[in-house]
Each structure stands twice: as structure tokens, then as C-alpha cells.
Amino acid sequence: YRAVLHAVREGLLLIDHDDKVQLVNDEARRLL
């Protein structure tokens, strides 16, 4: 999971039902 999450070139953001961020990769941090 860690390897794939930080290897993909697209930004990835996962939020829960309360609109809180639960998962984010390096590319999403950079883009946003």
C-alpha cells in the first residue's frame, strides 16, 4: 500500500463520511 500510494503519478485523496482527510499521497500534497 505504501509503495503503490507513493509511486503513482496521480494525486490520491481519500475522505470519510465527515469530509475529513484519511489518506493522501505525495503527489496530492504537492498539487494541493
ModelCIF file with pLDDT and N, C-alpha, C, O atoms, coordinates in Angstrom:
data_MODEL
#
_entry.id   MODEL 
#
_entity.id                         1 
_entity.type                       polymer 
_entity.pdbx_number_of_molecules   1 
#
_entity_poly.entity_id                      1 
_entity_poly.type                           'polypeptide(L)' 
_entity_poly.nstd_linkage                   no 
_entity_poly.nstd_monomer                   no 
_entity_poly.pdbx_seq_one_letter_code       YRAVLHAVREGLLLIDHDDKVQLVNDEARRLL 
_entity_poly.pdbx_seq_one_letter_code_can   YRAVLHAVREGLLLIDHDDKVQLVNDEARRLL 
_entity_poly.pdbx_strand_id                 A 
#
loop_
_entity_poly_seq.entity_id 
_entity_poly_seq.num 
_entity_poly_seq.mon_id 
_entity_poly_seq.hetero 
1 1  TYR n 
1 2  ARG n 
1 3  ALA n 
1 4  VAL n 
1 5  LEU n 
1 6  HIS n 
1 7  ALA n 
1 8  VAL n 
1 9  ARG n 
1 10 GLU n 
1 11 GLY n 
1 12 LEU n 
1 13 LEU n 
1 14 LEU n 
1 15 ILE n 
1 16 ASP n 
1 17 HIS n 
1 18 ASP n 
1 19 ASP n 
1 20 LYS n 
1 21 VAL n 
1 22 GLN n 
1 23 LEU n 
1 24 VAL n 
1 25 ASN n 
1 26 ASP n 
1 27 GLU n 
1 28 ALA n 
1 29 ARG n 
1 30 ARG n 
1 31 LEU n 
1 32 LEU n 
#
_struct_asym.id          A 
_struct_asym.entity_id   1 
#
loop_
_ma_qa_metric.id 
_ma_qa_metric.mode 
_ma_qa_metric.name 
_ma_qa_metric.software_group_id 
_ma_qa_metric.type 
1 global pLDDT . pLDDT 
2 local  pLDDT . pLDDT 
#
_ma_qa_metric_global.metric_id      1 
_ma_qa_metric_global.metric_value   78.22 
_ma_qa_metric_global.model_id       1 
_ma_qa_metric_global.ordinal_id     1 
#
loop_
_ma_qa_metric_local.label_asym_id 
_ma_qa_metric_local.label_comp_id 
_ma_qa_metric_local.label_seq_id 
_ma_qa_metric_local.metric_id 
_ma_qa_metric_local.metric_value 
_ma_qa_metric_local.model_id 
_ma_qa_metric_local.ordinal_id 
A TYR 1  2 72.00 1 1  
A ARG 2  2 74.00 1 2  
A ALA 3  2 74.00 1 3  
A VAL 4  2 73.00 1 4  
A LEU 5  2 73.00 1 5  
A HIS 6  2 73.00 1 6  
A ALA 7  2 72.00 1 7  
A VAL 8  2 75.00 1 8  
A ARG 9  2 77.00 1 9  
A GLU 10 2 80.00 1 10 
A GLY 11 2 80.00 1 11 
A LEU 12 2 79.00 1 12 
A LEU 13 2 80.00 1 13 
A LEU 14 2 81.00 1 14 
A ILE 15 2 81.00 1 15 
A ASP 16 2 81.00 1 16 
A HIS 17 2 75.00 1 17 
A ASP 18 2 77.00 1 18 
A ASP 19 2 79.00 1 19 
A LYS 20 2 84.00 1 20 
A VAL 21 2 82.00 1 21 
A GLN 22 2 79.00 1 22 
A LEU 23 2 79.00 1 23 
A VAL 24 2 81.00 1 24 
A ASN 25 2 81.00 1 25 
A ASP 26 2 81.00 1 26 
A GLU 27 2 81.00 1 27 
A ALA 28 2 80.00 1 28 
A ARG 29 2 81.00 1 29 
A ARG 30 2 80.00 1 30 
A LEU 31 2 79.00 1 31 
A LEU 32 2 79.00 1 32 
#
loop_
_atom_site.group_PDB 
_atom_site.id 
_atom_site.type_symbol 
_atom_site.label_atom_id 
_atom_site.label_alt_id 
_atom_site.label_comp_id 
_atom_site.label_asym_id 
_atom_site.label_entity_id 
_atom_site.label_seq_id 
_atom_site.pdbx_PDB_ins_code 
_atom_site.Cartn_x 
_atom_site.Cartn_y 
_atom_site.Cartn_z 
_atom_site.occupancy 
_atom_site.B_iso_or_equiv 
_atom_site.pdbx_formal_charge 
_atom_site.auth_seq_id 
_atom_site.auth_comp_id 
_atom_site.auth_asym_id 
_atom_site.auth_atom_id 
_atom_site.pdbx_PDB_model_num 
ATOM 1   N N  . TYR A 1 1  ? 0.835   -1.207 0.000   1.00 72.00 ? 1  TYR A N  1 
ATOM 2   C CA . TYR A 1 1  ? 0.000   0.000  0.000   1.00 72.00 ? 1  TYR A CA 1 
ATOM 3   C C  . TYR A 1 1  ? 0.866   1.251  0.000   1.00 72.00 ? 1  TYR A C  1 
ATOM 4   O O  . TYR A 1 1  ? 0.605   2.185  -0.759  1.00 72.00 ? 1  TYR A O  1 
ATOM 5   N N  . ARG A 1 2  ? 1.914   1.281  0.860   1.00 74.00 ? 2  ARG A N  1 
ATOM 6   C CA . ARG A 1 2  ? 2.788   2.446  0.914   1.00 74.00 ? 2  ARG A CA 1 
ATOM 7   C C  . ARG A 1 2  ? 3.539   2.609  -0.401  1.00 74.00 ? 2  ARG A C  1 
ATOM 8   O O  . ARG A 1 2  ? 3.691   3.722  -0.905  1.00 74.00 ? 2  ARG A O  1 
ATOM 9   N N  . ALA A 1 3  ? 4.008   1.487  -0.956  1.00 74.00 ? 3  ALA A N  1 
ATOM 10  C CA . ALA A 1 3  ? 4.771   1.563  -2.200  1.00 74.00 ? 3  ALA A CA 1 
ATOM 11  C C  . ALA A 1 3  ? 3.910   2.076  -3.351  1.00 74.00 ? 3  ALA A C  1 
ATOM 12  O O  . ALA A 1 3  ? 4.328   2.957  -4.103  1.00 74.00 ? 3  ALA A O  1 
ATOM 13  N N  . VAL A 1 4  ? 2.706   1.520  -3.483  1.00 73.00 ? 4  VAL A N  1 
ATOM 14  C CA . VAL A 1 4  ? 1.816   1.936  -4.576  1.00 73.00 ? 4  VAL A CA 1 
ATOM 15  C C  . VAL A 1 4  ? 1.337   3.364  -4.374  1.00 73.00 ? 4  VAL A C  1 
ATOM 16  O O  . VAL A 1 4  ? 1.272   4.151  -5.319  1.00 73.00 ? 4  VAL A O  1 
ATOM 17  N N  . LEU A 1 5  ? 1.002   3.690  -3.131  1.00 73.00 ? 5  LEU A N  1 
ATOM 18  C CA . LEU A 1 5  ? 0.457   5.019  -2.839  1.00 73.00 ? 5  LEU A CA 1 
ATOM 19  C C  . LEU A 1 5  ? 1.419   6.117  -3.255  1.00 73.00 ? 5  LEU A C  1 
ATOM 20  O O  . LEU A 1 5  ? 1.001   7.131  -3.814  1.00 73.00 ? 5  LEU A O  1 
ATOM 21  N N  . HIS A 1 6  ? 2.712   5.924  -2.987  1.00 73.00 ? 6  HIS A N  1 
ATOM 22  C CA . HIS A 1 6  ? 3.685   6.976  -3.272  1.00 73.00 ? 6  HIS A CA 1 
ATOM 23  C C  . HIS A 1 6  ? 4.345   6.818  -4.638  1.00 73.00 ? 6  HIS A C  1 
ATOM 24  O O  . HIS A 1 6  ? 5.132   7.672  -5.049  1.00 73.00 ? 6  HIS A O  1 
ATOM 25  N N  . ALA A 1 7  ? 4.029   5.728  -5.346  1.00 72.00 ? 7  ALA A N  1 
ATOM 26  C CA . ALA A 1 7  ? 4.618   5.536  -6.663  1.00 72.00 ? 7  ALA A CA 1 
ATOM 27  C C  . ALA A 1 7  ? 3.730   6.086  -7.775  1.00 72.00 ? 7  ALA A C  1 
ATOM 28  O O  . ALA A 1 7  ? 4.243   6.474  -8.825  1.00 72.00 ? 7  ALA A O  1 
ATOM 29  N N  . VAL A 1 8  ? 2.422   6.130  -7.577  1.00 75.00 ? 8  VAL A N  1 
ATOM 30  C CA . VAL A 1 8  ? 1.533   6.601  -8.637  1.00 75.00 ? 8  VAL A CA 1 
ATOM 31  C C  . VAL A 1 8  ? 1.781   8.071  -8.928  1.00 75.00 ? 8  VAL A C  1 
ATOM 32  O O  . VAL A 1 8  ? 2.093   8.843  -8.022  1.00 75.00 ? 8  VAL A O  1 
ATOM 33  N N  . ARG A 1 9  ? 1.648   8.449  -10.152 1.00 77.00 ? 9  ARG A N  1 
ATOM 34  C CA . ARG A 1 9  ? 1.916   9.825  -10.563 1.00 77.00 ? 9  ARG A CA 1 
ATOM 35  C C  . ARG A 1 9  ? 0.699   10.718 -10.392 1.00 77.00 ? 9  ARG A C  1 
ATOM 36  O O  . ARG A 1 9  ? 0.816   11.940 -10.487 1.00 77.00 ? 9  ARG A O  1 
ATOM 37  N N  . GLU A 1 10 ? -0.455  10.139 -10.145 1.00 80.00 ? 10 GLU A N  1 
ATOM 38  C CA . GLU A 1 10 ? -1.653  10.930 -9.910  1.00 80.00 ? 10 GLU A CA 1 
ATOM 39  C C  . GLU A 1 10 ? -1.811  11.205 -8.426  1.00 80.00 ? 10 GLU A C  1 
ATOM 40  O O  . GLU A 1 10 ? -1.403  10.400 -7.589  1.00 80.00 ? 10 GLU A O  1 
ATOM 41  N N  . GLY A 1 11 ? -2.402  12.343 -8.107  1.00 80.00 ? 11 GLY A N  1 
ATOM 42  C CA . GLY A 1 11 ? -2.713  12.638 -6.720  1.00 80.00 ? 11 GLY A CA 1 
ATOM 43  C C  . GLY A 1 11 ? -3.898  11.817 -6.256  1.00 80.00 ? 11 GLY A C  1 
ATOM 44  O O  . GLY A 1 11 ? -4.865  11.632 -6.996  1.00 80.00 ? 11 GLY A O  1 
ATOM 45  N N  . LEU A 1 12 ? -3.822  11.326 -5.034  1.00 79.00 ? 12 LEU A N  1 
ATOM 46  C CA . LEU A 1 12 ? -4.879  10.471 -4.493  1.00 79.00 ? 12 LEU A CA 1 
ATOM 47  C C  . LEU A 1 12 ? -5.303  11.003 -3.142  1.00 79.00 ? 12 LEU A C  1 
ATOM 48  O O  . LEU A 1 12 ? -4.472  11.263 -2.271  1.00 79.00 ? 12 LEU A O  1 
ATOM 49  N N  . LEU A 1 13 ? -6.622  11.164 -2.974  1.00 80.00 ? 13 LEU A N  1 
ATOM 50  C CA . LEU A 1 13 ? -7.175  11.737 -1.755  1.00 80.00 ? 13 LEU A CA 1 
ATOM 51  C C  . LEU A 1 13 ? -8.372  10.889 -1.340  1.00 80.00 ? 13 LEU A C  1 
ATOM 52  O O  . LEU A 1 13 ? -9.276  10.650 -2.140  1.00 80.00 ? 13 LEU A O  1 
ATOM 53  N N  . LEU A 1 14 ? -8.376  10.428 -0.072  1.00 81.00 ? 14 LEU A N  1 
ATOM 54  C CA . LEU A 1 14 ? -9.495  9.637  0.444   1.00 81.00 ? 14 LEU A CA 1 
ATOM 55  C C  . LEU A 1 14 ? -10.088 10.373 1.637   1.00 81.00 ? 14 LEU A C  1 
ATOM 56  O O  . LEU A 1 14 ? -9.379  10.706 2.587   1.00 81.00 ? 14 LEU A O  1 
ATOM 57  N N  . ILE A 1 15 ? -11.391 10.622 1.583   1.00 81.00 ? 15 ILE A N  1 
ATOM 58  C CA . ILE A 1 15 ? -12.077 11.317 2.670   1.00 81.00 ? 15 ILE A CA 1 
ATOM 59  C C  . ILE A 1 15 ? -13.199 10.426 3.197   1.00 81.00 ? 15 ILE A C  1 
ATOM 60  O O  . ILE A 1 15 ? -13.738 9.594  2.468   1.00 81.00 ? 15 ILE A O  1 
ATOM 61  N N  . ASP A 1 16 ? -13.544 10.612 4.480   1.00 81.00 ? 16 ASP A N  1 
ATOM 62  C CA . ASP A 1 16 ? -14.583 9.794  5.089   1.00 81.00 ? 16 ASP A CA 1 
ATOM 63  C C  . ASP A 1 16 ? -15.930 10.493 5.015   1.00 81.00 ? 16 ASP A C  1 
ATOM 64  O O  . ASP A 1 16 ? -16.081 11.503 4.326   1.00 81.00 ? 16 ASP A O  1 
ATOM 65  N N  . HIS A 1 17 ? -16.923 9.939  5.742   1.00 75.00 ? 17 HIS A N  1 
ATOM 66  C CA . HIS A 1 17 ? -18.278 10.500 5.685   1.00 75.00 ? 17 HIS A CA 1 
ATOM 67  C C  . HIS A 1 17 ? -18.353 11.894 6.300   1.00 75.00 ? 17 HIS A C  1 
ATOM 68  O O  . HIS A 1 17 ? -19.270 12.655 5.991   1.00 75.00 ? 17 HIS A O  1 
ATOM 69  N N  . ASP A 1 18 ? -17.406 12.237 7.162   1.00 77.00 ? 18 ASP A N  1 
ATOM 70  C CA . ASP A 1 18 ? -17.393 13.560 7.797   1.00 77.00 ? 18 ASP A CA 1 
ATOM 71  C C  . ASP A 1 18 ? -16.558 14.555 7.014   1.00 77.00 ? 18 ASP A C  1 
ATOM 72  O O  . ASP A 1 18 ? -16.227 15.626 7.523   1.00 77.00 ? 18 ASP A O  1 
ATOM 73  N N  . ASP A 1 19 ? -16.211 14.210 5.774   1.00 79.00 ? 19 ASP A N  1 
ATOM 74  C CA . ASP A 1 19 ? -15.397 15.068 4.906   1.00 79.00 ? 19 ASP A CA 1 
ATOM 75  C C  . ASP A 1 19 ? -14.030 15.353 5.505   1.00 79.00 ? 19 ASP A C  1 
ATOM 76  O O  . ASP A 1 19 ? -13.462 16.424 5.292   1.00 79.00 ? 19 ASP A O  1 
ATOM 77  N N  . LYS A 1 20 ? -13.506 14.392 6.252   1.00 84.00 ? 20 LYS A N  1 
ATOM 78  C CA . LYS A 1 20 ? -12.158 14.529 6.809   1.00 84.00 ? 20 LYS A CA 1 
ATOM 79  C C  . LYS A 1 20 ? -11.186 13.661 6.012   1.00 84.00 ? 20 LYS A C  1 
ATOM 80  O O  . LYS A 1 20 ? -11.511 12.546 5.603   1.00 84.00 ? 20 LYS A O  1 
ATOM 81  N N  . VAL A 1 21 ? -9.981  14.205 5.803   1.00 82.00 ? 21 VAL A N  1 
ATOM 82  C CA . VAL A 1 21 ? -8.978  13.508 5.011   1.00 82.00 ? 21 VAL A CA 1 
ATOM 83  C C  . VAL A 1 21 ? -8.443  12.326 5.814   1.00 82.00 ? 21 VAL A C  1 
ATOM 84  O O  . VAL A 1 21 ? -7.996  12.490 6.950   1.00 82.00 ? 21 VAL A O  1 
ATOM 85  N N  . GLN A 1 22 ? -8.491  11.132 5.216   1.00 79.00 ? 22 GLN A N  1 
ATOM 86  C CA . GLN A 1 22 ? -7.978  9.935  5.870   1.00 79.00 ? 22 GLN A CA 1 
ATOM 87  C C  . GLN A 1 22 ? -6.756  9.362  5.173   1.00 79.00 ? 22 GLN A C  1 
ATOM 88  O O  . GLN A 1 22 ? -6.016  8.576  5.765   1.00 79.00 ? 22 GLN A O  1 
ATOM 89  N N  . LEU A 1 23 ? -6.538  9.743  3.935   1.00 79.00 ? 23 LEU A N  1 
ATOM 90  C CA . LEU A 1 23 ? -5.396  9.215  3.196   1.00 79.00 ? 23 LEU A CA 1 
ATOM 91  C C  . LEU A 1 23 ? -5.030  10.206 2.101   1.00 79.00 ? 23 LEU A C  1 
ATOM 92  O O  . LEU A 1 23 ? -5.909  10.758 1.440   1.00 79.00 ? 23 LEU A O  1 
ATOM 93  N N  . VAL A 1 24 ? -3.733  10.432 1.909   1.00 81.00 ? 24 VAL A N  1 
ATOM 94  C CA . VAL A 1 24 ? -3.268  11.352 0.866   1.00 81.00 ? 24 VAL A CA 1 
ATOM 95  C C  . VAL A 1 24 ? -1.854  10.932 0.484   1.00 81.00 ? 24 VAL A C  1 
ATOM 96  O O  . VAL A 1 24 ? -1.056  10.566 1.346   1.00 81.00 ? 24 VAL A O  1 
ATOM 97  N N  . ASN A 1 25 ? -1.546  10.985 -0.811  1.00 81.00 ? 25 ASN A N  1 
ATOM 98  C CA . ASN A 1 25 ? -0.197  10.626 -1.234  1.00 81.00 ? 25 ASN A CA 1 
ATOM 99  C C  . ASN A 1 25 ? 0.626   11.879 -1.527  1.00 81.00 ? 25 ASN A C  1 
ATOM 100 O O  . ASN A 1 25 ? 0.129   13.001 -1.435  1.00 81.00 ? 25 ASN A O  1 
ATOM 101 N N  . ASP A 1 26 ? 1.899   11.665 -1.882  1.00 81.00 ? 26 ASP A N  1 
ATOM 102 C CA . ASP A 1 26 ? 2.823   12.791 -2.059  1.00 81.00 ? 26 ASP A CA 1 
ATOM 103 C C  . ASP A 1 26 ? 2.384   13.709 -3.193  1.00 81.00 ? 26 ASP A C  1 
ATOM 104 O O  . ASP A 1 26 ? 2.487   14.930 -3.081  1.00 81.00 ? 26 ASP A O  1 
ATOM 105 N N  . GLU A 1 27 ? 1.893   13.122 -4.287  1.00 81.00 ? 27 GLU A N  1 
ATOM 106 C CA . GLU A 1 27 ? 1.509   13.941 -5.429  1.00 81.00 ? 27 GLU A CA 1 
ATOM 107 C C  . GLU A 1 27 ? 0.325   14.847 -5.085  1.00 81.00 ? 27 GLU A C  1 
ATOM 108 O O  . GLU A 1 27 ? 0.283   16.005 -5.503  1.00 81.00 ? 27 GLU A O  1 
ATOM 109 N N  . ALA A 1 28 ? -0.635  14.317 -4.325  1.00 80.00 ? 28 ALA A N  1 
ATOM 110 C CA . ALA A 1 28 ? -1.771  15.146 -3.920  1.00 80.00 ? 28 ALA A CA 1 
ATOM 111 C C  . ALA A 1 28 ? -1.313  16.270 -3.000  1.00 80.00 ? 28 ALA A C  1 
ATOM 112 O O  . ALA A 1 28 ? -1.815  17.390 -3.094  1.00 80.00 ? 28 ALA A O  1 
ATOM 113 N N  . ARG A 1 29 ? -0.364  15.981 -2.111  1.00 81.00 ? 29 ARG A N  1 
ATOM 114 C CA . ARG A 1 29 ? 0.175   17.039 -1.253  1.00 81.00 ? 29 ARG A CA 1 
ATOM 115 C C  . ARG A 1 29 ? 0.811   18.144 -2.080  1.00 81.00 ? 29 ARG A C  1 
ATOM 116 O O  . ARG A 1 29 ? 0.658   19.328 -1.777  1.00 81.00 ? 29 ARG A O  1 
ATOM 117 N N  . ARG A 1 30 ? 1.535   17.745 -3.141  1.00 80.00 ? 30 ARG A N  1 
ATOM 118 C CA . ARG A 1 30 ? 2.205   18.744 -3.986  1.00 80.00 ? 30 ARG A CA 1 
ATOM 119 C C  . ARG A 1 30 ? 1.192   19.562 -4.793  1.00 80.00 ? 30 ARG A C  1 
ATOM 120 O O  . ARG A 1 30 ? 1.280   20.788 -4.849  1.00 80.00 ? 30 ARG A O  1 
ATOM 121 N N  . LEU A 1 31 ? 0.245   18.881 -5.407  1.00 79.00 ? 31 LEU A N  1 
ATOM 122 C CA . LEU A 1 31 ? -0.703  19.589 -6.265  1.00 79.00 ? 31 LEU A CA 1 
ATOM 123 C C  . LEU A 1 31 ? -1.607  20.530 -5.477  1.00 79.00 ? 31 LEU A C  1 
ATOM 124 O O  . LEU A 1 31 ? -1.934  21.619 -5.949  1.00 79.00 ? 31 LEU A O  1 
ATOM 125 N N  . LEU A 1 32 ? -2.012  20.112 -4.277  1.00 79.00 ? 32 LEU A N  1 
ATOM 126 C CA . LEU A 1 32 ? -2.947  20.916 -3.488  1.00 79.00 ? 32 LEU A CA 1 
ATOM 127 C C  . LEU A 1 32 ? -2.246  21.742 -2.420  1.00 79.00 ? 32 LEU A C  1 
ATOM 128 O O  . LEU A 1 32 ? -2.901  22.471 -1.675  1.00 79.00 ? 32 LEU A O  1 
#
